[in-house]
Amino acid sequence: MATAKKAPAKKAAPVKAAPAKAAPAKRTPNAAFMKPMTPSATLAAVIGNKPMPRTEVTKKVWEYIKKNKLQDAANKRMINADAKLKEIFKKPQVSMFEMTKLISGHLS
């Protein structure tokens, strides 16, 4: 019978400390998001009529929703439309993800 020879044990390589990382670069916003958009008349009734970036439009709509307590109590992802929002959404309740899609149709 042939016996297998064991390979000599290898020494573990010394663990090198990871080089210190420089602070991550500040993210620059996408120019398309920052371009001022003009709201339609129905959307202007909620957020005002001056041109603003999409990000600001979304913030203003959320401020309106929270101020008027339009977020559904049972499912916080759903928005209950009041008279002004019903003109924008075209239905009594929408999800927060659907809301941004519907609002973008009112921006030019």
N, C-alpha and C. Protein backbone atom coordinates (compact mmCIF):
# COMPACT_ATOMS: atom_id res chain seq x y z
N MET A 1 0.81 -1.19 0.00
CA MET A 1 0.00 0.00 0.00
C MET A 1 0.85 1.25 0.00
N ALA A 2 0.39 2.22 -0.82
CA ALA A 2 1.12 3.49 -0.88
C ALA A 2 0.53 4.45 0.15
N THR A 3 1.41 5.11 0.85
CA THR A 3 0.92 6.08 1.83
C THR A 3 1.06 7.49 1.27
N ALA A 4 0.05 8.28 1.55
CA ALA A 4 0.07 9.67 1.05
C ALA A 4 0.89 10.51 2.00
N LYS A 5 1.71 11.36 1.42
CA LYS A 5 2.52 12.26 2.23
C LYS A 5 1.73 13.52 2.49
N LYS A 6 1.81 14.00 3.70
CA LYS A 6 1.11 15.24 4.02
C LYS A 6 1.98 16.40 3.60
N ALA A 7 1.30 17.43 3.03
CA ALA A 7 2.03 18.63 2.66
C ALA A 7 2.36 19.41 3.92
N PRO A 8 3.51 20.05 3.96
CA PRO A 8 3.85 20.81 5.17
C PRO A 8 2.84 21.95 5.36
N ALA A 9 2.49 22.23 6.59
CA ALA A 9 1.52 23.29 6.89
C ALA A 9 2.08 24.64 6.47
N LYS A 10 1.22 25.44 5.82
CA LYS A 10 1.66 26.77 5.37
C LYS A 10 1.40 27.78 6.47
N LYS A 11 2.28 28.73 6.56
CA LYS A 11 2.08 29.79 7.54
C LYS A 11 1.07 30.78 6.96
N ALA A 12 0.20 31.29 7.81
CA ALA A 12 -0.79 32.28 7.37
C ALA A 12 -0.08 33.58 7.02
N ALA A 13 -0.51 34.18 5.91
CA ALA A 13 0.09 35.45 5.50
C ALA A 13 -0.29 36.51 6.53
N PRO A 14 0.62 37.41 6.85
CA PRO A 14 0.27 38.46 7.81
C PRO A 14 -0.90 39.30 7.28
N VAL A 15 -1.82 39.60 8.16
CA VAL A 15 -3.00 40.39 7.76
C VAL A 15 -2.60 41.85 7.71
N LYS A 16 -2.81 42.45 6.54
CA LYS A 16 -2.46 43.86 6.39
C LYS A 16 -3.68 44.71 6.74
N ALA A 17 -3.45 45.80 7.39
CA ALA A 17 -4.55 46.71 7.73
C ALA A 17 -5.02 47.38 6.44
N ALA A 18 -6.32 47.51 6.31
CA ALA A 18 -6.87 48.16 5.12
C ALA A 18 -6.46 49.62 5.13
N PRO A 19 -6.06 50.15 3.98
CA PRO A 19 -5.66 51.55 3.95
C PRO A 19 -6.87 52.44 4.29
N ALA A 20 -6.61 53.52 4.99
CA ALA A 20 -7.69 54.43 5.39
C ALA A 20 -8.34 55.00 4.13
N LYS A 21 -9.66 54.92 4.08
CA LYS A 21 -10.38 55.43 2.90
C LYS A 21 -10.61 56.92 3.06
N ALA A 22 -10.51 57.61 1.95
CA ALA A 22 -10.80 59.04 1.96
C ALA A 22 -12.30 59.21 2.10
N ALA A 23 -12.73 60.35 2.59
CA ALA A 23 -14.17 60.61 2.74
C ALA A 23 -14.84 60.50 1.38
N PRO A 24 -16.01 59.84 1.31
CA PRO A 24 -16.68 59.69 0.01
C PRO A 24 -17.05 61.05 -0.57
N ALA A 25 -16.97 61.13 -1.89
CA ALA A 25 -17.29 62.38 -2.57
C ALA A 25 -18.76 62.70 -2.39
N LYS A 26 -19.08 63.97 -2.25
CA LYS A 26 -20.47 64.40 -2.09
C LYS A 26 -21.21 64.10 -3.37
N ARG A 27 -22.41 63.49 -3.24
CA ARG A 27 -23.22 63.16 -4.42
C ARG A 27 -23.76 64.44 -5.03
N THR A 28 -23.64 64.53 -6.33
CA THR A 28 -24.23 65.68 -7.01
C THR A 28 -25.59 65.27 -7.54
N PRO A 29 -26.61 66.11 -7.35
CA PRO A 29 -27.95 65.75 -7.81
C PRO A 29 -28.02 65.70 -9.33
N ASN A 30 -28.85 64.82 -9.83
CA ASN A 30 -29.06 64.69 -11.26
C ASN A 30 -29.69 65.97 -11.78
N ALA A 31 -29.15 66.51 -12.86
CA ALA A 31 -29.64 67.78 -13.41
C ALA A 31 -31.12 67.69 -13.80
N ALA A 32 -31.57 66.53 -14.24
CA ALA A 32 -32.98 66.38 -14.64
C ALA A 32 -33.91 66.57 -13.45
N PHE A 33 -33.50 66.14 -12.26
CA PHE A 33 -34.33 66.31 -11.07
C PHE A 33 -34.35 67.76 -10.60
N MET A 34 -33.28 68.48 -10.87
CA MET A 34 -33.16 69.84 -10.35
C MET A 34 -33.70 70.90 -11.30
N LYS A 35 -34.11 70.50 -12.50
CA LYS A 35 -34.65 71.46 -13.47
C LYS A 35 -36.02 71.95 -12.98
N PRO A 36 -36.22 73.26 -12.88
CA PRO A 36 -37.52 73.77 -12.43
C PRO A 36 -38.63 73.40 -13.41
N MET A 37 -39.71 72.85 -12.85
CA MET A 37 -40.87 72.44 -13.65
C MET A 37 -42.05 73.32 -13.26
N THR A 38 -42.91 73.62 -14.23
CA THR A 38 -44.08 74.44 -13.97
C THR A 38 -45.28 73.53 -13.69
N PRO A 39 -45.93 73.70 -12.53
CA PRO A 39 -47.08 72.85 -12.21
C PRO A 39 -48.33 73.28 -12.97
N SER A 40 -49.23 72.32 -13.23
CA SER A 40 -50.50 72.63 -13.88
C SER A 40 -51.35 73.43 -12.89
N ALA A 41 -52.47 73.97 -13.36
CA ALA A 41 -53.34 74.78 -12.50
C ALA A 41 -53.88 73.95 -11.32
N THR A 42 -54.24 72.69 -11.58
CA THR A 42 -54.78 71.86 -10.50
C THR A 42 -53.72 71.53 -9.46
N LEU A 43 -52.49 71.29 -9.89
CA LEU A 43 -51.40 71.01 -8.95
C LEU A 43 -50.97 72.29 -8.23
N ALA A 44 -51.05 73.42 -8.93
CA ALA A 44 -50.68 74.70 -8.33
C ALA A 44 -51.60 75.04 -7.16
N ALA A 45 -52.83 74.55 -7.17
CA ALA A 45 -53.76 74.79 -6.06
C ALA A 45 -53.26 74.13 -4.78
N VAL A 46 -52.42 73.11 -4.91
CA VAL A 46 -51.89 72.39 -3.75
C VAL A 46 -50.52 72.93 -3.34
N ILE A 47 -49.63 73.16 -4.30
CA ILE A 47 -48.23 73.48 -3.97
C ILE A 47 -47.81 74.91 -4.30
N GLY A 48 -48.64 75.67 -4.99
CA GLY A 48 -48.23 77.00 -5.43
C GLY A 48 -47.87 76.97 -6.90
N ASN A 49 -47.85 78.14 -7.52
CA ASN A 49 -47.69 78.15 -8.98
C ASN A 49 -46.30 78.50 -9.48
N LYS A 50 -45.32 78.69 -8.61
CA LYS A 50 -43.98 79.02 -9.13
C LYS A 50 -43.23 77.75 -9.52
N PRO A 51 -42.39 77.82 -10.56
CA PRO A 51 -41.64 76.64 -11.01
C PRO A 51 -40.69 76.15 -9.92
N MET A 52 -40.61 74.84 -9.75
CA MET A 52 -39.70 74.24 -8.78
C MET A 52 -39.28 72.86 -9.26
N PRO A 53 -38.14 72.35 -8.76
CA PRO A 53 -37.68 71.01 -9.16
C PRO A 53 -38.64 69.92 -8.69
N ARG A 54 -38.59 68.77 -9.35
CA ARG A 54 -39.46 67.64 -9.00
C ARG A 54 -39.33 67.26 -7.53
N THR A 55 -38.12 67.32 -7.00
CA THR A 55 -37.91 66.95 -5.61
C THR A 55 -38.70 67.87 -4.68
N GLU A 56 -38.70 69.16 -4.98
CA GLU A 56 -39.45 70.12 -4.17
C GLU A 56 -40.95 69.91 -4.31
N VAL A 57 -41.40 69.58 -5.52
CA VAL A 57 -42.83 69.32 -5.75
C VAL A 57 -43.28 68.18 -4.85
N THR A 58 -42.51 67.10 -4.82
CA THR A 58 -42.85 65.94 -3.99
C THR A 58 -42.88 66.33 -2.51
N LYS A 59 -41.90 67.12 -2.07
CA LYS A 59 -41.87 67.57 -0.68
C LYS A 59 -43.11 68.39 -0.34
N LYS A 60 -43.49 69.30 -1.23
CA LYS A 60 -44.65 70.17 -0.98
C LYS A 60 -45.94 69.35 -0.92
N VAL A 61 -46.08 68.36 -1.80
CA VAL A 61 -47.28 67.52 -1.80
C VAL A 61 -47.34 66.73 -0.49
N TRP A 62 -46.19 66.22 -0.03
CA TRP A 62 -46.18 65.48 1.24
C TRP A 62 -46.52 66.40 2.40
N GLU A 63 -46.04 67.64 2.38
CA GLU A 63 -46.39 68.60 3.43
C GLU A 63 -47.91 68.80 3.46
N TYR A 64 -48.51 68.93 2.29
CA TYR A 64 -49.96 69.10 2.18
C TYR A 64 -50.69 67.87 2.73
N ILE A 65 -50.22 66.69 2.37
CA ILE A 65 -50.85 65.44 2.82
C ILE A 65 -50.78 65.32 4.34
N LYS A 66 -49.62 65.61 4.93
CA LYS A 66 -49.46 65.49 6.38
C LYS A 66 -50.24 66.58 7.12
N LYS A 67 -50.24 67.80 6.57
CA LYS A 67 -50.96 68.91 7.21
C LYS A 67 -52.46 68.61 7.27
N ASN A 68 -53.00 68.01 6.22
CA ASN A 68 -54.43 67.72 6.14
C ASN A 68 -54.77 66.29 6.58
N LYS A 69 -53.78 65.56 7.12
CA LYS A 69 -53.97 64.19 7.62
C LYS A 69 -54.65 63.29 6.58
N LEU A 70 -54.07 63.24 5.38
CA LEU A 70 -54.65 62.46 4.29
C LEU A 70 -54.02 61.08 4.14
N GLN A 71 -53.02 60.77 4.95
CA GLN A 71 -52.40 59.44 4.89
C GLN A 71 -53.35 58.46 5.58
N ASP A 72 -53.59 57.32 4.95
CA ASP A 72 -54.50 56.33 5.50
C ASP A 72 -53.97 55.82 6.84
N ALA A 73 -54.83 55.75 7.85
CA ALA A 73 -54.40 55.36 9.20
C ALA A 73 -53.99 53.88 9.26
N ALA A 74 -54.71 53.02 8.56
CA ALA A 74 -54.42 51.59 8.60
C ALA A 74 -53.22 51.23 7.75
N ASN A 75 -53.11 51.80 6.54
CA ASN A 75 -52.02 51.50 5.62
C ASN A 75 -51.36 52.81 5.23
N LYS A 76 -50.24 53.13 5.87
CA LYS A 76 -49.58 54.42 5.68
C LYS A 76 -49.07 54.65 4.26
N ARG A 77 -49.02 53.60 3.44
CA ARG A 77 -48.57 53.76 2.06
C ARG A 77 -49.66 54.32 1.16
N MET A 78 -50.88 54.36 1.65
CA MET A 78 -52.00 54.85 0.85
C MET A 78 -52.33 56.30 1.21
N ILE A 79 -52.68 57.08 0.19
CA ILE A 79 -53.04 58.48 0.37
C ILE A 79 -54.52 58.62 0.03
N ASN A 80 -55.30 59.17 0.95
CA ASN A 80 -56.71 59.45 0.71
C ASN A 80 -56.82 60.84 0.10
N ALA A 81 -57.42 60.94 -1.05
CA ALA A 81 -57.49 62.22 -1.76
C ALA A 81 -58.64 63.08 -1.23
N ASP A 82 -58.35 64.37 -1.00
CA ASP A 82 -59.42 65.32 -0.70
C ASP A 82 -59.85 65.92 -2.03
N ALA A 83 -60.67 66.95 -2.01
CA ALA A 83 -61.20 67.53 -3.26
C ALA A 83 -60.09 68.00 -4.20
N LYS A 84 -59.05 68.65 -3.66
CA LYS A 84 -57.96 69.16 -4.51
C LYS A 84 -57.14 68.02 -5.11
N LEU A 85 -56.81 67.02 -4.29
CA LEU A 85 -55.99 65.92 -4.78
C LEU A 85 -56.77 64.98 -5.70
N LYS A 86 -58.07 64.91 -5.51
CA LYS A 86 -58.89 64.04 -6.36
C LYS A 86 -58.82 64.51 -7.81
N GLU A 87 -58.70 65.84 -8.03
CA GLU A 87 -58.57 66.36 -9.39
C GLU A 87 -57.25 65.93 -10.03
N ILE A 88 -56.22 65.75 -9.22
CA ILE A 88 -54.91 65.33 -9.72
C ILE A 88 -54.87 63.82 -9.91
N PHE A 89 -55.33 63.07 -8.88
CA PHE A 89 -55.24 61.61 -8.89
C PHE A 89 -56.33 60.94 -9.71
N LYS A 90 -57.48 61.57 -9.84
CA LYS A 90 -58.64 61.02 -10.57
C LYS A 90 -59.26 59.80 -9.88
N LYS A 91 -58.91 59.54 -8.61
CA LYS A 91 -59.53 58.47 -7.83
C LYS A 91 -59.42 58.81 -6.35
N PRO A 92 -60.22 58.16 -5.51
CA PRO A 92 -60.26 58.54 -4.09
C PRO A 92 -59.03 58.14 -3.26
N GLN A 93 -58.28 57.13 -3.71
CA GLN A 93 -57.12 56.68 -2.95
C GLN A 93 -56.04 56.16 -3.89
N VAL A 94 -54.78 56.55 -3.62
CA VAL A 94 -53.64 56.07 -4.42
C VAL A 94 -52.51 55.67 -3.48
N SER A 95 -51.59 54.84 -3.99
CA SER A 95 -50.42 54.48 -3.18
C SER A 95 -49.38 55.60 -3.34
N MET A 96 -48.47 55.67 -2.40
CA MET A 96 -47.46 56.74 -2.46
C MET A 96 -46.56 56.60 -3.68
N PHE A 97 -46.41 55.38 -4.20
CA PHE A 97 -45.57 55.17 -5.37
C PHE A 97 -46.31 55.61 -6.64
N GLU A 98 -47.59 55.36 -6.67
CA GLU A 98 -48.43 55.77 -7.80
C GLU A 98 -48.58 57.30 -7.82
N MET A 99 -48.56 57.91 -6.63
CA MET A 99 -48.73 59.35 -6.50
C MET A 99 -47.69 60.12 -7.31
N THR A 100 -46.42 59.75 -7.22
CA THR A 100 -45.38 60.48 -7.95
C THR A 100 -45.58 60.38 -9.45
N LYS A 101 -46.04 59.22 -9.91
CA LYS A 101 -46.31 59.04 -11.34
C LYS A 101 -47.45 59.95 -11.80
N LEU A 102 -48.50 60.04 -10.99
CA LEU A 102 -49.64 60.88 -11.34
C LEU A 102 -49.29 62.36 -11.29
N ILE A 103 -48.44 62.73 -10.35
CA ILE A 103 -48.04 64.14 -10.22
C ILE A 103 -47.18 64.56 -11.42
N SER A 104 -46.32 63.67 -11.91
CA SER A 104 -45.43 64.04 -13.01
C SER A 104 -46.22 64.40 -14.26
N GLY A 105 -47.43 63.90 -14.39
CA GLY A 105 -48.28 64.28 -15.53
C GLY A 105 -48.77 65.71 -15.43
N HIS A 106 -48.64 66.32 -14.26
CA HIS A 106 -49.09 67.70 -14.06
C HIS A 106 -47.92 68.69 -14.04
N LEU A 107 -46.75 68.24 -14.48
CA LEU A 107 -45.57 69.12 -14.54
C LEU A 107 -45.14 69.29 -16.00
N SER A 108 -44.74 70.49 -16.33
CA SER A 108 -44.22 70.73 -17.69
C SER A 108 -43.01 71.64 -17.64
